[in-house]
């Protein structure tokens, strides 16, 4: 997270950012990512946790080699 406050990358790639965190820290991290996104930062977040995915403004899923918009496949 330290790198987020030093410069502004075009895109933040967050691969399972909450995977090894407790629920309190996960929520705090997601709040930071949501705030950055609201400020115009592009964030690509990869997760297996649908509850984390639901906090995103857009969900894109990959199943059987195809891309799907939304939660339903």
N, C-alpha and C. Protein backbone atom coordinates (compact mmCIF):
# COMPACT_ATOMS: atom_id res chain seq x y z
N UNK A 1 0.81 -1.19 0.00
CA UNK A 1 0.00 0.00 0.00
C UNK A 1 0.86 1.26 0.00
N UNK A 2 2.05 1.16 0.52
CA UNK A 2 2.93 2.33 0.59
C UNK A 2 3.11 2.96 -0.78
N UNK A 3 3.23 2.15 -1.83
CA UNK A 3 3.47 2.65 -3.16
C UNK A 3 2.31 3.48 -3.69
N UNK A 4 1.09 3.27 -3.19
CA UNK A 4 -0.07 3.99 -3.68
C UNK A 4 0.02 5.48 -3.41
N UNK A 5 0.73 5.87 -2.37
CA UNK A 5 0.78 7.27 -2.00
C UNK A 5 2.00 7.99 -2.56
N UNK A 6 2.82 7.32 -3.33
CA UNK A 6 4.00 7.94 -3.93
C UNK A 6 3.83 7.92 -5.44
N UNK A 7 3.28 8.97 -5.97
CA UNK A 7 3.00 9.01 -7.39
C UNK A 7 1.62 8.46 -7.66
N UNK A 8 1.19 8.57 -8.91
CA UNK A 8 -0.13 8.06 -9.28
C UNK A 8 0.01 7.15 -10.49
N UNK A 9 -0.01 5.86 -10.27
CA UNK A 9 0.09 4.94 -11.41
C UNK A 9 -1.18 5.04 -12.26
N UNK A 10 -1.06 4.72 -13.55
CA UNK A 10 -2.24 4.73 -14.41
C UNK A 10 -3.24 3.67 -13.97
N UNK A 11 -2.74 2.51 -13.56
CA UNK A 11 -3.60 1.40 -13.16
C UNK A 11 -2.99 0.75 -11.92
N UNK A 12 -3.85 0.41 -10.97
CA UNK A 12 -3.42 -0.39 -9.82
C UNK A 12 -3.91 -1.81 -10.06
N UNK A 13 -2.98 -2.77 -10.06
CA UNK A 13 -3.34 -4.18 -10.17
C UNK A 13 -3.31 -4.77 -8.76
N UNK A 14 -4.45 -5.23 -8.29
CA UNK A 14 -4.57 -5.78 -6.94
C UNK A 14 -4.97 -7.25 -7.04
N UNK A 15 -4.00 -8.14 -6.94
CA UNK A 15 -4.24 -9.58 -7.07
C UNK A 15 -4.47 -10.17 -5.68
N UNK A 16 -5.71 -10.52 -5.39
CA UNK A 16 -6.13 -11.08 -4.09
C UNK A 16 -5.63 -10.20 -2.93
N UNK A 17 -5.93 -8.90 -2.96
CA UNK A 17 -5.37 -8.01 -1.94
C UNK A 17 -5.85 -8.29 -0.52
N UNK A 18 -6.98 -8.96 -0.37
CA UNK A 18 -7.51 -9.25 0.97
C UNK A 18 -7.31 -10.70 1.38
N UNK A 19 -6.68 -11.49 0.53
CA UNK A 19 -6.57 -12.92 0.74
C UNK A 19 -5.98 -13.37 2.07
N UNK A 20 -4.98 -12.66 2.56
CA UNK A 20 -4.30 -13.09 3.80
C UNK A 20 -4.57 -12.12 4.95
N UNK A 21 -5.62 -11.31 4.82
CA UNK A 21 -5.90 -10.30 5.84
C UNK A 21 -7.09 -10.70 6.71
N UNK A 22 -7.10 -10.19 7.93
CA UNK A 22 -8.27 -10.38 8.79
C UNK A 22 -9.39 -9.47 8.26
N UNK A 23 -10.61 -9.68 8.72
CA UNK A 23 -11.76 -8.97 8.17
C UNK A 23 -11.68 -7.46 8.39
N UNK A 24 -11.17 -7.01 9.53
CA UNK A 24 -11.06 -5.57 9.80
C UNK A 24 -10.10 -4.91 8.82
N UNK A 25 -8.94 -5.52 8.64
CA UNK A 25 -7.94 -4.96 7.73
C UNK A 25 -8.42 -5.06 6.29
N UNK A 26 -9.12 -6.14 5.95
CA UNK A 26 -9.68 -6.28 4.60
C UNK A 26 -10.64 -5.14 4.30
N UNK A 27 -11.53 -4.84 5.25
CA UNK A 27 -12.48 -3.76 5.05
C UNK A 27 -11.78 -2.41 4.92
N UNK A 28 -10.75 -2.19 5.72
CA UNK A 28 -10.00 -0.94 5.63
C UNK A 28 -9.33 -0.81 4.27
N UNK A 29 -8.72 -1.88 3.79
CA UNK A 29 -8.06 -1.86 2.49
C UNK A 29 -9.08 -1.60 1.38
N UNK A 30 -10.22 -2.26 1.45
CA UNK A 30 -11.24 -2.06 0.42
C UNK A 30 -11.76 -0.62 0.44
N UNK A 31 -11.87 -0.03 1.60
CA UNK A 31 -12.29 1.38 1.69
C UNK A 31 -11.28 2.29 1.00
N UNK A 32 -9.98 2.00 1.18
CA UNK A 32 -8.94 2.79 0.53
C UNK A 32 -9.04 2.63 -0.99
N UNK A 33 -9.19 1.40 -1.46
CA UNK A 33 -9.29 1.15 -2.90
C UNK A 33 -10.54 1.80 -3.47
N UNK A 34 -11.65 1.74 -2.76
CA UNK A 34 -12.89 2.37 -3.23
C UNK A 34 -12.71 3.89 -3.31
N UNK A 35 -12.08 4.48 -2.31
CA UNK A 35 -11.86 5.92 -2.30
C UNK A 35 -10.97 6.33 -3.48
N UNK A 36 -9.90 5.58 -3.72
CA UNK A 36 -9.03 5.87 -4.85
C UNK A 36 -9.80 5.79 -6.16
N UNK A 37 -10.65 4.78 -6.28
CA UNK A 37 -11.45 4.62 -7.50
C UNK A 37 -12.42 5.79 -7.67
N UNK A 38 -13.05 6.22 -6.60
CA UNK A 38 -13.96 7.36 -6.66
C UNK A 38 -13.23 8.64 -7.08
N UNK A 39 -11.94 8.71 -6.78
CA UNK A 39 -11.12 9.86 -7.16
C UNK A 39 -10.59 9.74 -8.59
N UNK A 40 -10.97 8.67 -9.30
CA UNK A 40 -10.60 8.52 -10.70
C UNK A 40 -9.52 7.50 -10.98
N UNK A 41 -9.02 6.82 -9.96
CA UNK A 41 -7.97 5.82 -10.14
C UNK A 41 -8.56 4.54 -10.73
N UNK A 42 -7.94 4.03 -11.78
CA UNK A 42 -8.34 2.75 -12.35
C UNK A 42 -7.73 1.64 -11.52
N UNK A 43 -8.57 0.68 -11.09
CA UNK A 43 -8.11 -0.44 -10.27
C UNK A 43 -8.63 -1.73 -10.89
N UNK A 44 -7.73 -2.65 -11.11
CA UNK A 44 -8.12 -4.00 -11.54
C UNK A 44 -7.85 -4.90 -10.34
N UNK A 45 -8.92 -5.45 -9.80
CA UNK A 45 -8.84 -6.27 -8.59
C UNK A 45 -9.21 -7.71 -8.94
N UNK A 46 -8.34 -8.63 -8.63
CA UNK A 46 -8.58 -10.04 -8.90
C UNK A 46 -8.88 -10.71 -7.57
N UNK A 47 -10.01 -11.43 -7.51
CA UNK A 47 -10.37 -12.09 -6.26
C UNK A 47 -11.24 -13.31 -6.53
N UNK A 48 -11.20 -14.25 -5.60
CA UNK A 48 -12.12 -15.39 -5.61
C UNK A 48 -13.26 -15.17 -4.64
N UNK A 49 -13.21 -14.07 -3.91
CA UNK A 49 -14.20 -13.76 -2.88
C UNK A 49 -15.29 -12.87 -3.47
N UNK A 50 -16.48 -13.42 -3.67
CA UNK A 50 -17.57 -12.66 -4.29
C UNK A 50 -17.96 -11.45 -3.44
N UNK A 51 -17.79 -11.54 -2.13
CA UNK A 51 -18.11 -10.39 -1.27
C UNK A 51 -17.16 -9.23 -1.52
N UNK A 52 -15.91 -9.52 -1.80
CA UNK A 52 -14.95 -8.48 -2.18
C UNK A 52 -15.31 -7.95 -3.56
N UNK A 53 -15.61 -8.84 -4.49
CA UNK A 53 -15.96 -8.42 -5.85
C UNK A 53 -17.19 -7.51 -5.86
N UNK A 54 -18.14 -7.78 -5.02
CA UNK A 54 -19.37 -6.97 -4.98
C UNK A 54 -19.13 -5.53 -4.55
N UNK A 55 -17.99 -5.25 -3.99
CA UNK A 55 -17.66 -3.87 -3.59
C UNK A 55 -17.15 -3.07 -4.79
N UNK A 56 -16.90 -3.73 -5.89
CA UNK A 56 -16.40 -3.06 -7.09
C UNK A 56 -17.55 -2.42 -7.87
N UNK A 57 -17.22 -1.43 -8.69
CA UNK A 57 -18.23 -0.78 -9.51
C UNK A 57 -18.57 -1.63 -10.75
N UNK A 58 -17.73 -2.59 -11.04
CA UNK A 58 -17.96 -3.46 -12.20
C UNK A 58 -17.35 -4.82 -11.91
N UNK A 59 -18.06 -5.88 -12.27
CA UNK A 59 -17.55 -7.24 -12.11
C UNK A 59 -17.44 -7.88 -13.49
N UNK A 60 -16.26 -8.40 -13.78
CA UNK A 60 -16.02 -9.17 -15.00
C UNK A 60 -15.50 -10.52 -14.54
N UNK A 61 -16.14 -11.58 -15.00
CA UNK A 61 -15.72 -12.94 -14.61
C UNK A 61 -15.14 -13.67 -15.81
N UNK A 62 -14.25 -14.59 -15.53
CA UNK A 62 -13.71 -15.46 -16.56
C UNK A 62 -14.15 -16.87 -16.23
N UNK A 63 -14.82 -17.51 -17.18
CA UNK A 63 -15.24 -18.91 -16.99
C UNK A 63 -15.10 -19.63 -18.33
N UNK A 64 -14.46 -20.77 -18.30
CA UNK A 64 -14.27 -21.58 -19.50
C UNK A 64 -13.64 -20.78 -20.64
N UNK A 65 -12.70 -19.90 -20.28
CA UNK A 65 -11.98 -19.14 -21.29
C UNK A 65 -12.75 -17.97 -21.89
N UNK A 66 -13.91 -17.62 -21.33
CA UNK A 66 -14.72 -16.52 -21.85
C UNK A 66 -14.93 -15.47 -20.77
N UNK A 67 -15.08 -14.22 -21.20
CA UNK A 67 -15.35 -13.12 -20.27
C UNK A 67 -16.86 -12.90 -20.17
N UNK A 68 -17.32 -12.64 -18.94
CA UNK A 68 -18.72 -12.37 -18.67
C UNK A 68 -18.82 -11.13 -17.81
N UNK A 69 -19.80 -10.29 -18.09
CA UNK A 69 -20.06 -9.10 -17.29
C UNK A 69 -21.03 -9.46 -16.16
N UNK A 70 -20.75 -9.03 -14.94
CA UNK A 70 -21.66 -9.27 -13.82
C UNK A 70 -21.34 -10.56 -13.09
N UNK A 71 -22.19 -10.86 -12.11
CA UNK A 71 -21.97 -12.03 -11.25
C UNK A 71 -22.40 -13.35 -11.90
N UNK A 72 -23.40 -13.29 -12.73
CA UNK A 72 -23.94 -14.52 -13.33
C UNK A 72 -23.12 -14.96 -14.52
N UNK A 73 -22.90 -16.26 -14.62
CA UNK A 73 -22.18 -16.83 -15.77
C UNK A 73 -23.16 -17.68 -16.56
